[in-house]
C-alpha atoms as a PDB file:
ATOM      1  CA  MET A   1      25.413   7.743   6.833  1.00  0.00           C
ATOM      2  CA  GLU A   2      24.748   6.522   3.292  1.00  0.00           C
ATOM      3  CA  PRO A   3      24.375   9.210   0.576  1.00  0.00           C
ATOM      4  CA  ARG A   4      20.716   8.237   0.046  1.00  0.00           C
ATOM      5  CA  ASP A   5      19.964   8.503   3.777  1.00  0.00           C
ATOM      6  CA  GLN A   6      21.755  11.856   3.904  1.00  0.00           C
ATOM      7  CA  GLN A   7      19.672  13.144   0.983  1.00  0.00           C
ATOM      8  CA  ILE A   8      16.437  12.021   2.686  1.00  0.00           C
ATOM      9  CA  TYR A   9      17.493  13.726   5.918  1.00  0.00           C
ATOM     10  CA  GLU A  10      18.429  16.988   4.180  1.00  0.00           C
ATOM     11  CA  GLU A  11      15.130  17.154   2.304  1.00  0.00           C
ATOM     12  CA  ALA A  12      13.097  16.234   5.390  1.00  0.00           C
ATOM     13  CA  ALA A  13      14.971  18.854   7.445  1.00  0.00           C
ATOM     14  CA  ALA A  14      14.315  21.503   4.794  1.00  0.00           C
ATOM     15  CA  LEU A  15      10.636  20.591   4.780  1.00  0.00           C
ATOM     16  CA  TRP A  16      10.546  20.775   8.594  1.00  0.00           C
ATOM     17  CA  ARG A  17      12.114  24.256   8.569  1.00  0.00           C
ATOM     18  CA  GLU A  18       9.703  25.431   5.860  1.00  0.00           C
ATOM     19  CA  ILE A  19       6.591  24.164   7.655  1.00  0.00           C
ATOM     20  CA  PHE A  20       7.424  24.893  11.295  1.00  0.00           C
ATOM     21  CA  GLY A  21       9.940  27.749  10.966  1.00  0.00           C
ATOM     22  CA  GLU A  22      12.398  26.162  13.380  1.00  0.00           C
ATOM     23  CA  PRO A  23      15.324  23.744  13.178  1.00  0.00           C
ATOM     24  CA  PRO A  24      14.442  20.036  13.171  1.00  0.00           C
ATOM     25  CA  PRO A  25      14.944  17.949  16.333  1.00  0.00           C
ATOM     26  CA  LEU A  26      18.589  16.944  16.741  1.00  0.00           C
ATOM     27  CA  ARG A  27      18.099  13.217  17.271  1.00  0.00           C
ATOM     28  CA  ALA A  28      15.772  12.569  14.350  1.00  0.00           C
ATOM     29  CA  ASP A  29      16.843  10.918  11.125  1.00  0.00           C
ATOM     30  CA  GLY A  30      15.111  11.479   7.765  1.00  0.00           C
ATOM     31  CA  PRO A  31      12.315   8.877   8.055  1.00  0.00           C
ATOM     32  CA  MET A  32      11.599   9.910  11.645  1.00  0.00           C
ATOM     33  CA  LEU A  33      11.373  13.580  10.619  1.00  0.00           C
ATOM     34  CA  LEU A  34       8.902  12.736   7.849  1.00  0.00           C
ATOM     35  CA  GLU A  35       6.800  10.698  10.266  1.00  0.00           C
ATOM     36  CA  MET A  36       6.763  13.564  12.776  1.00  0.00           C
ATOM     37  CA  ILE A  37       5.780  16.070  10.057  1.00  0.00           C
ATOM     38  CA  LEU A  38       2.892  13.908   8.880  1.00  0.00           C
ATOM     39  CA  ARG A  39       1.722  13.212  12.432  1.00  0.00           C
ATOM     40  CA  ARG A  40       1.693  16.928  13.323  1.00  0.00           C
ATOM     41  CA  ALA A  41       0.042  17.955  10.074  1.00  0.00           C
ATOM     42  CA  GLY A  42      -2.841  15.477  10.367  1.00  0.00           C
ATOM     43  CA  PRO A  43      -5.010  14.364   7.489  1.00  0.00           C
ATOM     44  CA  PRO A  44      -6.039  16.947   4.907  1.00  0.00           C
ATOM     45  CA  PRO A  45      -9.684  18.033   4.884  1.00  0.00           C
ATOM     46  CA  TYR A  46     -11.925  16.012   2.600  1.00  0.00           C
ATOM     47  CA  GLU A  47     -13.425  18.247  -0.049  1.00  0.00           C
ATOM     48  CA  ARG A  48     -14.710  15.966  -2.760  1.00  0.00           C
ATOM     49  CA  LEU A  49     -16.460  18.566  -4.870  1.00  0.00           C
ATOM     50  CA  HIS A  50     -13.742  21.202  -4.761  1.00  0.00           C
ATOM     51  CA  SER A  51     -11.633  20.387  -7.774  1.00  0.00           C
ATOM     52  CA  PRO A  52     -10.321  22.606 -10.554  1.00  0.00           C
ATOM     53  CA  HIS A  53     -11.416  19.880 -12.974  1.00  0.00           C
ATOM     54  CA  LEU A  54     -15.116  19.993 -12.018  1.00  0.00           C
ATOM     55  CA  ARG A  55     -17.632  22.576 -13.130  1.00  0.00           C
ATOM     56  CA  PRO A  56     -20.969  23.051 -11.367  1.00  0.00           C
ATOM     57  CA  SER A  57     -22.697  21.737 -14.501  1.00  0.00           C
ATOM     58  CA  THR A  58     -20.787  18.431 -14.298  1.00  0.00           C
ATOM     59  CA  ILE A  59     -21.626  17.701 -10.655  1.00  0.00           C
ATOM     60  CA  ALA A  60     -24.717  15.555 -10.271  1.00  0.00           C
ATOM     61  CA  GLY A  61     -26.371  15.255  -6.887  1.00  0.00           C
ATOM     62  CA  PRO A  62     -29.204  13.073  -5.693  1.00  0.00           C
ATOM     63  CA  ALA A  63     -32.432  13.325  -7.675  1.00  0.00           C
ATOM     64  CA  GLN A  64     -34.822  15.941  -6.391  1.00  0.00           C
ATOM     65  CA  PRO A  65     -38.265  14.679  -5.349  1.00  0.00           C
ATOM     66  CA  THR A  66     -41.061  15.609  -7.684  1.00  0.00           C
ATOM     67  CA  SER A  67     -44.258  17.177  -6.447  1.00  0.00           C
ATOM     68  CA  GLY A  68     -47.232  14.878  -6.881  1.00  0.00           C
ATOM     69  CA  PRO A  69     -47.525  11.469  -8.505  1.00  0.00           C
ATOM     70  CA  ARG A  70     -46.050  10.798 -11.931  1.00  0.00           C
ATOM     71  CA  LEU A  71     -48.315   9.880 -14.780  1.00  0.00           C
ATOM     72  CA  SER A  72     -46.936   7.363 -17.217  1.00  0.00           C
END
């Protein structure tokens, strides 16, 4: 195994042990381990307005309807 491939495997195996608390599958190489981790984890939840960089005062929503007709 090439040094780069070995490094990928070792890091993927460490990630597997950290996430799942068990040894990685024996027949998996680094890229396969990463694919299995991502497949089991699934997509992260979409939370558009939950950001440490946004304040409630900087979030603009749709305009609220006004009551009654507007006079120009």
